[in-house]
Amino acid sequence: MGVPTTPATLTPDQVAELNKKLSHMRHEINNQLSLIVAALELIRYRPEMRDRMLNTVGEQPAKIMAEIAKFSAEFEQSLNITRD
C-alpha cells in the first residue's frame, strides 16, 4: 500500500490515542535524557563512578531510538501506512 496519496482523516478517538502514545514517547525519551544528564553530573563530582556511568550513558541512545521506532510503527499502523 505504501504512503497514502489522499488526505487521511482521523476520528477524535484516533487523535486522542495518538496523542496518548506521543505523550508516552516524550516521557520515555525525557527519562533517558535525564539519566544521561545525571550520569554526567556523577562523573563530574564522583570520578570513581566514571566507568559505570559511561555504560549508562552508552545505553541510552538505543533506548531512545527504540521508543521512536515503537511510536512510528504504531502511528503507521493507525494510518494503514506500510513500508515498501
C-alpha atoms as a PDB file:
ATOM      1  CA  MET A   1       0.000   0.000   0.000  1.00  0.00           C
ATOM      2  CA  GLY A   2       2.748   2.485   0.857  1.00  0.00           C
ATOM      3  CA  VAL A   3       2.114   6.065   1.911  1.00  0.00           C
ATOM      4  CA  PRO A   4      -1.455   7.285   1.370  1.00  0.00           C
ATOM      5  CA  THR A   5      -1.905   9.519  -1.677  1.00  0.00           C
ATOM      6  CA  THR A   6      -5.068  11.127  -0.337  1.00  0.00           C
ATOM      7  CA  PRO A   7      -5.568  13.037   2.890  1.00  0.00           C
ATOM      8  CA  ALA A   8      -6.107  10.840   5.929  1.00  0.00           C
ATOM      9  CA  THR A   9      -8.972  11.573   8.259  1.00  0.00           C
ATOM     10  CA  LEU A  10      -8.678  10.634  11.895  1.00  0.00           C
ATOM     11  CA  THR A  11     -11.534  10.257  14.313  1.00  0.00           C
ATOM     12  CA  PRO A  12     -11.351  12.120  17.616  1.00  0.00           C
ATOM     13  CA  ASP A  13     -10.642   8.771  19.316  1.00  0.00           C
ATOM     14  CA  GLN A  14      -7.733   8.089  16.938  1.00  0.00           C
ATOM     15  CA  VAL A  15      -6.291  11.556  17.585  1.00  0.00           C
ATOM     16  CA  ALA A  16      -6.640  11.009  21.337  1.00  0.00           C
ATOM     17  CA  GLU A  17      -4.914   7.615  21.084  1.00  0.00           C
ATOM     18  CA  LEU A  18      -2.050   9.026  19.005  1.00  0.00           C
ATOM     19  CA  ASN A  19      -1.676  11.899  21.455  1.00  0.00           C
ATOM     20  CA  LYS A  20      -1.516   9.404  24.327  1.00  0.00           C
ATOM     21  CA  LYS A  21       1.190   7.410  22.533  1.00  0.00           C
ATOM     22  CA  LEU A  22       3.110  10.565  21.666  1.00  0.00           C
ATOM     23  CA  SER A  23       2.940  11.694  25.288  1.00  0.00           C
ATOM     24  CA  HIS A  24       4.264   8.302  26.404  1.00  0.00           C
ATOM     25  CA  MET A  25       7.139   8.525  23.906  1.00  0.00           C
ATOM     26  CA  ARG A  26       8.060  12.042  25.097  1.00  0.00           C
ATOM     27  CA  HIS A  27       8.011  10.841  28.705  1.00  0.00           C
ATOM     28  CA  GLU A  28      10.246   7.848  27.968  1.00  0.00           C
ATOM     29  CA  ILE A  29      12.732   9.910  25.969  1.00  0.00           C
ATOM     30  CA  ASN A  30      12.823  12.521  28.724  1.00  0.00           C
ATOM     31  CA  ASN A  31      13.623   9.728  31.205  1.00  0.00           C
ATOM     32  CA  GLN A  32      16.559   8.579  29.078  1.00  0.00           C
ATOM     33  CA  LEU A  33      17.873  12.125  28.657  1.00  0.00           C
ATOM     34  CA  SER A  34      17.575  12.686  32.410  1.00  0.00           C
ATOM     35  CA  LEU A  35      19.681   9.591  33.007  1.00  0.00           C
ATOM     36  CA  ILE A  36      22.344  10.956  30.667  1.00  0.00           C
ATOM     37  CA  VAL A  37      22.439  14.306  32.487  1.00  0.00           C
ATOM     38  CA  ALA A  38      22.531  12.611  35.900  1.00  0.00           C
ATOM     39  CA  ALA A  39      25.309  10.249  34.839  1.00  0.00           C
ATOM     40  CA  LEU A  40      27.408  13.119  33.528  1.00  0.00           C
ATOM     41  CA  GLU A  41      26.905  15.039  36.778  1.00  0.00           C
ATOM     42  CA  LEU A  42      28.002  11.984  38.764  1.00  0.00           C
ATOM     43  CA  ILE A  43      31.117  11.677  36.613  1.00  0.00           C
ATOM     44  CA  ARG A  44      31.892  15.331  37.318  1.00  0.00           C
ATOM     45  CA  TYR A  45      31.525  15.032  41.095  1.00  0.00           C
ATOM     46  CA  ARG A  46      32.444  11.373  41.635  1.00  0.00           C
ATOM     47  CA  PRO A  47      35.096  10.462  39.065  1.00  0.00           C
ATOM     48  CA  GLU A  48      35.413   6.961  40.541  1.00  0.00           C
ATOM     49  CA  MET A  49      31.961   6.202  39.062  1.00  0.00           C
ATOM     50  CA  ARG A  50      33.096   7.084  35.546  1.00  0.00           C
ATOM     51  CA  ASP A  51      33.098   3.582  34.035  1.00  0.00           C
ATOM     52  CA  ARG A  52      29.681   2.664  35.420  1.00  0.00           C
ATOM     53  CA  MET A  53      28.148   5.959  34.359  1.00  0.00           C
ATOM     54  CA  LEU A  54      29.684   5.806  30.897  1.00  0.00           C
ATOM     55  CA  ASN A  55      27.983   2.441  30.444  1.00  0.00           C
ATOM     56  CA  THR A  56      24.680   4.024  31.489  1.00  0.00           C
ATOM     57  CA  VAL A  57      25.157   6.899  29.049  1.00  0.00           C
ATOM     58  CA  GLY A  58      26.094   4.481  26.275  1.00  0.00           C
ATOM     59  CA  GLU A  59      22.844   2.518  26.696  1.00  0.00           C
ATOM     60  CA  GLN A  60      20.515   5.495  26.338  1.00  0.00           C
ATOM     61  CA  PRO A  61      20.661   6.222  22.572  1.00  0.00           C
ATOM     62  CA  ALA A  62      19.420   2.711  21.723  1.00  0.00           C
ATOM     63  CA  LYS A  63      16.568   3.093  24.203  1.00  0.00           C
ATOM     64  CA  ILE A  64      15.618   6.458  22.723  1.00  0.00           C
ATOM     65  CA  MET A  65      15.660   5.046  19.198  1.00  0.00           C
ATOM     66  CA  ALA A  66      13.536   2.084  20.322  1.00  0.00           C
ATOM     67  CA  GLU A  67      10.902   4.472  21.699  1.00  0.00           C
ATOM     68  CA  ILE A  68      10.856   6.466  18.463  1.00  0.00           C
ATOM     69  CA  ALA A  69      10.599   3.272  16.387  1.00  0.00           C
ATOM     70  CA  LYS A  70       7.750   1.980  18.570  1.00  0.00           C
ATOM     71  CA  PHE A  71       5.796   5.210  18.174  1.00  0.00           C
ATOM     72  CA  SER A  72       6.477   5.325  14.442  1.00  0.00           C
ATOM     73  CA  ALA A  73       5.221   1.754  13.970  1.00  0.00           C
ATOM     74  CA  GLU A  74       2.066   2.481  15.964  1.00  0.00           C
ATOM     75  CA  PHE A  75       1.482   5.699  14.021  1.00  0.00           C
ATOM     76  CA  GLU A  76       1.926   3.941  10.678  1.00  0.00           C
ATOM     77  CA  GLN A  77      -0.379   1.140  11.777  1.00  0.00           C
ATOM     78  CA  SER A  78      -3.106   3.557  12.810  1.00  0.00           C
ATOM     79  CA  LEU A  79      -2.981   5.202   9.349  1.00  0.00           C
ATOM     80  CA  ASN A  80      -2.541   1.919   7.460  1.00  0.00           C
ATOM     81  CA  ILE A  81       0.848   3.031   6.164  1.00  0.00           C
ATOM     82  CA  THR A  82       3.113   0.227   5.008  1.00  0.00           C
ATOM     83  CA  ARG A  83       6.757   0.341   4.106  1.00  0.00           C
ATOM     84  CA  ASP A  84       7.528  -0.997   0.630  1.00  0.00           C
END
